[in-house]
Amino acid sequence: MILALDRVEDTAEAVASARAQTGVSKHVWVADQGSRPENVARLAEVMRGAPDATLVRLDRNWGVAGGRNRATALGSGRVVFALDNDAEFSASDTLARAVAILDADADLAAVGCRILVHATGEDDLSSWGYPVSLLPRAGESFDTVTFVGAGAAVRRADFERAGGYDDALFFLWDEFDFCLRLINLGLRVRYRGDLAVRHKVSPEKRFAWAGTRWFYFVRNRVYIGMKYGSPASVLPRFIAYQLKGARNGVLLQGLRAGPAALQMLREFRPALGTEELHRLTPAAREYLRRNDAAHRYGVLRRMRTEVLSALPQAQRRAS
């Protein structure tokens, strides 16, 4: 499944890459979330006559989380692979191998790919969603607590059991929130450095750090922390985010994020049958400790590398 919002050339290349995957039965679903009419027409022309690809126009822009939920619902395959519309598979058998990995391990619910810079083939550091200490292992495989949605495969049955993504998140942290429920089900998430997609860095910067990205980053992470814990449990994290925001000139975004996260929590209604999945079990907490916290640095080094570090491409001004 591919979400589209303008960027016709990139989307067309992503579709071509997906259609070129071999060794697996597949259908490519493209969910358009509000492209300009002329771009929808161009994309429809690109896909005209393709027996293994379908373009569907959603009623509005649901964001990444909501868009993926609706795109996933369009198909019926036992595995759903999410590919960003500015990404392409690095090999023709990546999809088939991801399916085979899931089929071989009943406890594995999701597989995250290595994300490479399209132009250079180097690791896309802006898409590294794991502890920094694991970056030297980018070409390896390890269990983790999330995946990067630019290229990831999820077993449909587990997607449905976990209730899919939280529409309210719109953008950022939606994969982590979803994976917490998978982990609560006793399932695993695995990063596979031998499976890769090549990601283009868009010059549009629709969600730049100095625009709204820091707001979404802080709001969503604090909201998730409260969903699975309590408001008091996220206070140290919230304070750390304000320090980082001040350091990077985006303090107002972070401050606005607090009340917004509380409002989201008040409005939160878990999907039917997933209520218990929003209370972390002891086994889930141990999984998080073993596969995430254990790879984090000590307090002083985390202050330096995470709290006091500069945001990527952050402009030194509040907005």
Protein backbone atom coordinates (compact mmCIF):
# COMPACT_ATOMS: atom_id res chain seq x y z
CA MET A 1 0.00 0.00 0.00
CA ILE A 2 1.19 3.46 -0.97
CA LEU A 3 -0.24 6.76 0.25
CA ALA A 4 -0.23 9.56 -2.31
CA LEU A 5 -0.45 13.33 -1.99
CA ASP A 6 0.78 14.99 -5.18
CA ARG A 7 4.47 14.17 -6.02
CA VAL A 8 3.20 12.27 -9.07
CA GLU A 9 6.60 11.34 -10.47
CA ASP A 10 7.81 9.90 -7.19
CA THR A 11 4.55 8.03 -6.66
CA ALA A 12 4.63 6.60 -10.17
CA GLU A 13 8.17 5.32 -9.57
CA ALA A 14 7.12 3.80 -6.23
CA VAL A 15 4.22 2.03 -7.96
CA ALA A 16 6.50 0.74 -10.72
CA SER A 17 8.93 -0.57 -8.12
CA ALA A 18 6.14 -2.35 -6.24
CA ARG A 19 4.69 -3.85 -9.41
CA ALA A 20 8.14 -5.12 -10.38
CA GLN A 21 8.41 -7.28 -7.24
CA THR A 22 8.76 -10.94 -8.13
CA GLY A 23 8.13 -14.32 -6.53
CA VAL A 24 4.97 -13.35 -4.68
CA SER A 25 1.28 -12.85 -5.40
CA LYS A 26 0.53 -9.16 -4.87
CA HIS A 27 -1.73 -6.20 -5.54
CA VAL A 28 -0.63 -2.57 -5.25
CA TRP A 29 -3.14 -0.25 -3.61
CA VAL A 30 -2.56 3.50 -3.95
CA ALA A 31 -4.68 5.65 -1.64
CA ASP A 32 -4.74 9.30 -2.69
CA GLN A 33 -5.32 11.71 0.19
CA GLY A 34 -6.16 14.94 -1.57
CA SER A 35 -3.84 15.50 -4.51
CA ARG A 36 -4.70 18.33 -6.86
CA PRO A 37 -7.15 17.20 -9.55
CA GLU A 38 -4.58 17.45 -12.33
CA ASN A 39 -2.18 15.25 -10.35
CA VAL A 40 -4.86 12.66 -9.64
CA ALA A 41 -5.57 12.56 -13.38
CA ARG A 42 -1.86 12.11 -14.17
CA LEU A 43 -1.50 9.31 -11.63
CA ALA A 44 -4.65 7.61 -12.91
CA GLU A 45 -3.20 7.71 -16.42
CA VAL A 46 0.05 6.15 -15.19
CA MET A 47 -1.88 3.29 -13.59
CA ARG A 48 -4.48 2.85 -16.32
CA GLY A 49 -4.78 -0.75 -17.43
CA ALA A 50 -2.54 -2.16 -14.70
CA PRO A 51 -4.16 -5.46 -13.60
CA ASP A 52 -2.20 -5.58 -10.35
CA ALA A 53 -2.60 -1.97 -9.16
CA THR A 54 -5.57 0.17 -8.14
CA LEU A 55 -5.86 3.88 -7.38
CA VAL A 56 -8.46 4.88 -4.76
CA ARG A 57 -9.30 8.45 -3.74
CA LEU A 58 -9.93 8.86 -0.03
CA ASP A 59 -12.46 11.44 1.13
CA ARG A 60 -9.78 13.62 2.78
CA ASN A 61 -6.23 13.66 4.08
CA TRP A 62 -6.28 11.27 7.03
CA GLY A 63 -2.57 11.64 7.70
CA VAL A 64 -0.12 8.77 7.75
CA ALA A 65 -1.85 6.75 10.47
CA GLY A 66 -5.40 7.13 9.21
CA GLY A 67 -4.36 6.80 5.59
CA ARG A 68 -2.57 3.52 6.25
CA ASN A 69 -5.60 2.18 8.07
CA ARG A 70 -7.82 2.90 5.10
CA ALA A 71 -5.32 1.70 2.53
CA THR A 72 -4.85 -1.56 4.46
CA ALA A 73 -8.62 -2.11 4.48
CA LEU A 74 -8.68 -2.01 0.68
CA GLY A 75 -6.83 -5.30 0.28
CA SER A 76 -7.14 -8.87 1.51
CA GLY A 77 -3.62 -10.31 1.29
CA ARG A 78 -2.27 -12.03 4.38
CA VAL A 79 0.67 -9.59 4.50
CA VAL A 80 0.50 -5.82 4.08
CA PHE A 81 3.63 -3.98 2.95
CA ALA A 82 3.70 -0.21 3.44
CA LEU A 83 5.92 1.68 0.99
CA ASP A 84 6.29 5.47 1.10
CA ASN A 85 5.43 7.20 -2.14
CA ASP A 86 8.96 8.62 -2.28
CA ALA A 87 10.61 5.22 -1.82
CA GLU A 88 11.44 2.21 -3.98
CA PHE A 89 12.44 -1.39 -3.30
CA SER A 90 16.19 -1.94 -3.52
CA ALA A 91 15.79 -5.45 -4.99
CA SER A 92 13.10 -7.24 -6.96
CA ASP A 93 12.66 -9.98 -4.33
CA THR A 94 12.39 -7.78 -1.21
CA LEU A 95 8.63 -8.23 -0.87
CA ALA A 96 8.76 -12.00 -1.37
CA ARG A 97 11.53 -12.33 1.21
CA ALA A 98 9.60 -10.22 3.75
CA VAL A 99 6.55 -12.45 3.30
CA ALA A 100 8.66 -15.58 3.68
CA ILE A 101 10.21 -14.23 6.91
CA LEU A 102 6.76 -13.65 8.41
CA ASP A 103 5.45 -17.01 7.21
CA ALA A 104 8.38 -18.79 8.87
CA ASP A 105 7.85 -17.28 12.33
CA ALA A 106 4.38 -17.26 13.91
CA ASP A 107 5.55 -15.01 16.77
CA LEU A 108 6.76 -12.33 14.37
CA ALA A 109 4.10 -9.74 13.52
CA ALA A 110 6.08 -7.10 11.63
CA VAL A 111 9.34 -6.69 9.72
CA GLY A 112 11.01 -3.31 9.28
CA CYS A 113 13.36 -2.69 6.37
CA ARG A 114 16.66 -0.86 6.24
CA ILE A 115 16.03 2.63 4.84
CA LEU A 116 18.68 3.89 2.44
CA VAL A 117 19.14 7.27 0.79
CA HIS A 118 17.91 6.80 -2.75
CA ALA A 119 20.69 8.78 -4.41
CA THR A 120 23.65 7.32 -2.52
CA GLY A 121 22.66 3.96 -1.05
CA GLU A 122 23.90 5.09 2.36
CA ASP A 123 21.79 4.71 5.50
CA ASP A 124 19.08 7.37 5.75
CA LEU A 125 19.88 8.67 9.22
CA SER A 126 16.69 10.75 9.28
CA SER A 127 14.77 7.47 9.06
CA TRP A 128 16.69 5.54 11.71
CA GLY A 129 14.00 4.75 14.27
CA TYR A 130 16.09 2.71 16.70
CA PRO A 131 18.64 3.41 19.47
CA VAL A 132 21.70 5.19 18.10
CA SER A 133 23.95 2.51 19.57
CA LEU A 134 22.46 0.02 17.10
CA LEU A 135 23.38 2.08 14.03
CA PRO A 136 26.63 0.12 13.48
CA ARG A 137 24.37 -2.94 13.13
CA ALA A 138 22.28 -1.37 10.35
CA GLY A 139 23.10 -4.26 8.03
CA GLU A 140 22.17 -6.90 10.60
CA SER A 141 18.91 -8.18 12.10
CA PHE A 142 17.53 -7.67 15.60
CA ASP A 143 14.26 -7.61 17.54
CA THR A 144 13.00 -4.10 18.20
CA VAL A 145 10.03 -2.15 19.56
CA THR A 146 9.01 -0.36 16.38
CA PHE A 147 9.64 -0.15 12.65
CA VAL A 148 9.98 2.66 10.12
CA GLY A 149 6.86 2.86 7.99
CA ALA A 150 8.69 3.95 4.84
CA GLY A 151 9.18 0.24 4.20
CA ALA A 152 7.67 -2.42 6.45
CA ALA A 153 5.63 -5.63 6.27
CA VAL A 154 2.88 -6.54 8.76
CA ARG A 155 0.83 -9.72 8.99
CA ARG A 156 -2.80 -8.70 8.35
CA ALA A 157 -4.27 -10.95 11.05
CA ASP A 158 -2.02 -9.34 13.67
CA PHE A 159 -2.75 -5.86 12.31
CA GLU A 160 -6.46 -6.50 12.88
CA ARG A 161 -5.96 -8.07 16.32
CA ALA A 162 -3.99 -5.03 17.46
CA GLY A 163 -6.59 -2.58 16.11
CA GLY A 164 -4.42 -0.97 13.44
CA TYR A 165 -2.98 2.52 13.77
CA ASP A 166 -4.41 5.26 15.96
CA ASP A 167 -6.00 7.77 13.57
CA ALA A 168 -5.51 10.59 16.07
CA LEU A 169 -1.72 10.46 15.74
CA PHE A 170 -1.92 11.67 12.11
CA PHE A 171 1.88 11.84 11.71
CA LEU A 172 4.85 10.50 13.73
CA TRP A 173 5.08 7.75 16.37
CA ASP A 174 2.12 5.85 14.87
CA GLU A 175 4.28 2.77 14.22
CA PHE A 176 5.55 2.74 17.82
CA ASP A 177 2.04 3.01 19.25
CA PHE A 178 0.89 0.16 17.01
CA CYS A 179 3.90 -1.99 17.92
CA LEU A 180 3.23 -1.57 21.63
CA ARG A 181 -0.08 -3.38 21.10
CA LEU A 182 1.61 -6.10 19.06
CA ILE A 183 4.12 -6.59 21.85
CA ASN A 184 1.28 -6.71 24.39
CA LEU A 185 -0.14 -9.58 22.35
CA GLY A 186 3.07 -11.49 22.96
CA LEU A 187 4.33 -10.89 19.42
CA ARG A 188 7.68 -9.61 18.16
CA VAL A 189 8.84 -6.90 15.78
CA ARG A 190 12.10 -7.38 13.88
CA TYR A 191 14.43 -5.09 11.96
CA ARG A 192 16.00 -6.74 8.91
CA GLY A 193 19.04 -4.94 7.56
CA ASP A 194 19.18 -7.36 4.62
CA LEU A 195 15.85 -6.01 3.32
CA ALA A 196 16.01 -2.45 2.08
CA VAL A 197 14.08 0.35 0.42
CA ARG A 198 15.67 3.44 -1.09
CA HIS A 199 14.11 6.65 0.19
CA LYS A 200 14.15 10.03 -1.51
CA VAL A 201 14.54 13.08 0.70
CA SER A 202 11.82 15.43 -0.48
CA PRO A 203 12.73 19.11 -0.84
CA GLU A 204 9.16 20.09 0.07
CA LYS A 205 9.67 19.54 3.82
CA ARG A 206 5.92 19.38 4.43
CA PHE A 207 6.59 18.83 8.11
CA ALA A 208 9.84 20.67 8.83
CA TRP A 209 11.15 20.81 12.39
CA ALA A 210 10.75 24.59 12.45
CA GLY A 211 7.20 24.30 11.10
CA THR A 212 5.02 21.69 12.83
CA ARG A 213 7.12 18.54 13.04
CA TRP A 214 8.39 19.15 16.59
CA PHE A 215 4.80 19.77 17.73
CA TYR A 216 3.67 16.40 16.35
CA PHE A 217 6.78 14.68 17.69
CA VAL A 218 6.23 15.87 21.27
CA ARG A 219 2.43 15.72 21.27
CA ASN A 220 2.24 12.17 19.96
CA ARG A 221 5.01 10.73 22.14
CA VAL A 222 3.55 12.29 25.30
CA TYR A 223 0.06 11.08 24.33
CA ILE A 224 1.34 7.54 23.80
CA GLY A 225 3.15 7.63 27.13
CA MET A 226 -0.07 8.60 28.89
CA LYS A 227 -2.12 6.01 27.00
CA TYR A 228 0.06 3.19 28.27
CA GLY A 229 1.00 4.80 31.59
CA SER A 230 -0.11 7.98 33.32
CA PRO A 231 0.32 11.76 32.96
CA ALA A 232 2.83 11.74 35.82
CA SER A 233 4.94 9.06 34.15
CA VAL A 234 5.68 11.23 31.12
CA LEU A 235 6.59 14.40 33.03
CA PRO A 236 10.40 13.85 32.87
CA ARG A 237 10.15 13.18 29.13
CA PHE A 238 8.03 16.30 28.61
CA ILE A 239 10.55 18.46 30.48
CA ALA A 240 13.41 16.98 28.45
CA TYR A 241 11.52 17.81 25.23
CA GLN A 242 11.14 21.42 26.36
CA LEU A 243 14.89 21.66 26.96
CA LYS A 244 15.54 20.26 23.50
CA GLY A 245 12.95 22.60 21.98
CA ALA A 246 14.56 25.61 23.63
CA ARG A 247 17.97 24.44 22.39
CA ASN A 248 16.65 24.27 18.82
CA GLY A 249 14.44 27.36 18.72
CA VAL A 250 11.13 25.47 18.65
CA LEU A 251 10.11 25.84 22.29
CA LEU A 252 6.61 27.13 21.52
CA GLN A 253 5.82 24.01 19.48
CA GLY A 254 6.74 21.80 22.42
CA LEU A 255 4.78 23.85 24.92
CA ARG A 256 1.66 23.70 22.74
CA ALA A 257 2.08 19.95 22.46
CA GLY A 258 1.38 19.32 26.16
CA PRO A 259 -2.24 20.56 26.29
CA ALA A 260 -2.86 19.00 22.86
CA ALA A 261 -1.71 15.59 24.15
CA LEU A 262 -3.99 15.86 27.18
CA GLN A 263 -6.92 16.68 24.89
CA MET A 264 -6.13 13.66 22.73
CA LEU A 265 -6.09 11.46 25.83
CA ARG A 266 -9.51 12.75 26.90
CA GLU A 267 -10.90 11.93 23.45
CA PHE A 268 -9.20 8.54 23.14
CA ARG A 269 -11.52 5.57 22.63
CA PRO A 270 -9.76 2.22 22.07
CA ALA A 271 -10.88 0.08 19.18
CA LEU A 272 -13.36 -2.60 20.20
CA GLY A 273 -11.54 -5.57 21.70
CA THR A 274 -8.22 -3.75 22.22
CA GLU A 275 -8.90 -2.16 25.61
CA GLU A 276 -6.55 -4.50 27.47
CA LEU A 277 -3.79 -3.91 24.93
CA HIS A 278 -3.29 -0.37 26.24
CA ARG A 279 -2.03 -1.60 29.61
CA LEU A 280 1.48 -2.97 29.27
CA THR A 281 1.93 -6.45 30.67
CA PRO A 282 5.06 -7.44 32.66
CA ALA A 283 6.16 -9.50 29.65
CA ALA A 284 5.74 -6.48 27.37
CA ARG A 285 7.75 -4.28 29.73
CA GLU A 286 10.54 -6.83 29.77
CA TYR A 287 10.48 -6.97 25.96
CA LEU A 288 10.79 -3.16 25.85
CA ARG A 289 13.66 -3.22 28.35
CA ARG A 290 15.53 -5.96 26.49
CA ASN A 291 15.07 -4.65 22.96
CA ASP A 292 15.14 -0.87 23.48
CA ALA A 293 16.15 0.43 26.93
CA ALA A 294 19.12 -1.94 27.12
CA HIS A 295 20.56 -0.30 24.00
CA ARG A 296 20.20 3.26 25.30
CA TYR A 297 23.14 5.15 26.75
CA GLY A 298 23.40 6.25 30.38
CA VAL A 299 21.66 9.39 31.66
CA LEU A 300 24.53 11.84 31.08
CA ARG A 301 25.28 10.64 27.57
CA ARG A 302 21.58 10.59 26.68
CA MET A 303 21.32 14.21 27.88
CA ARG A 304 24.14 15.13 25.52
CA THR A 305 23.17 13.01 22.50
CA GLU A 306 19.38 13.21 22.72
CA VAL A 307 18.26 16.18 24.82
CA LEU A 308 20.95 18.76 24.04
CA SER A 309 21.60 17.75 20.44
CA ALA A 310 20.42 19.69 17.41
CA LEU A 311 17.34 18.64 15.48
CA PRO A 312 17.97 17.66 11.84
CA GLN A 313 17.72 20.74 9.64
CA ALA A 314 16.06 22.70 12.46
CA GLN A 315 15.98 26.41 11.85
CA ARG A 316 17.05 28.37 14.90
CA ARG A 317 13.77 30.18 15.40
CA ALA A 318 10.49 29.51 17.16
CA SER A 319 7.37 29.07 15.10
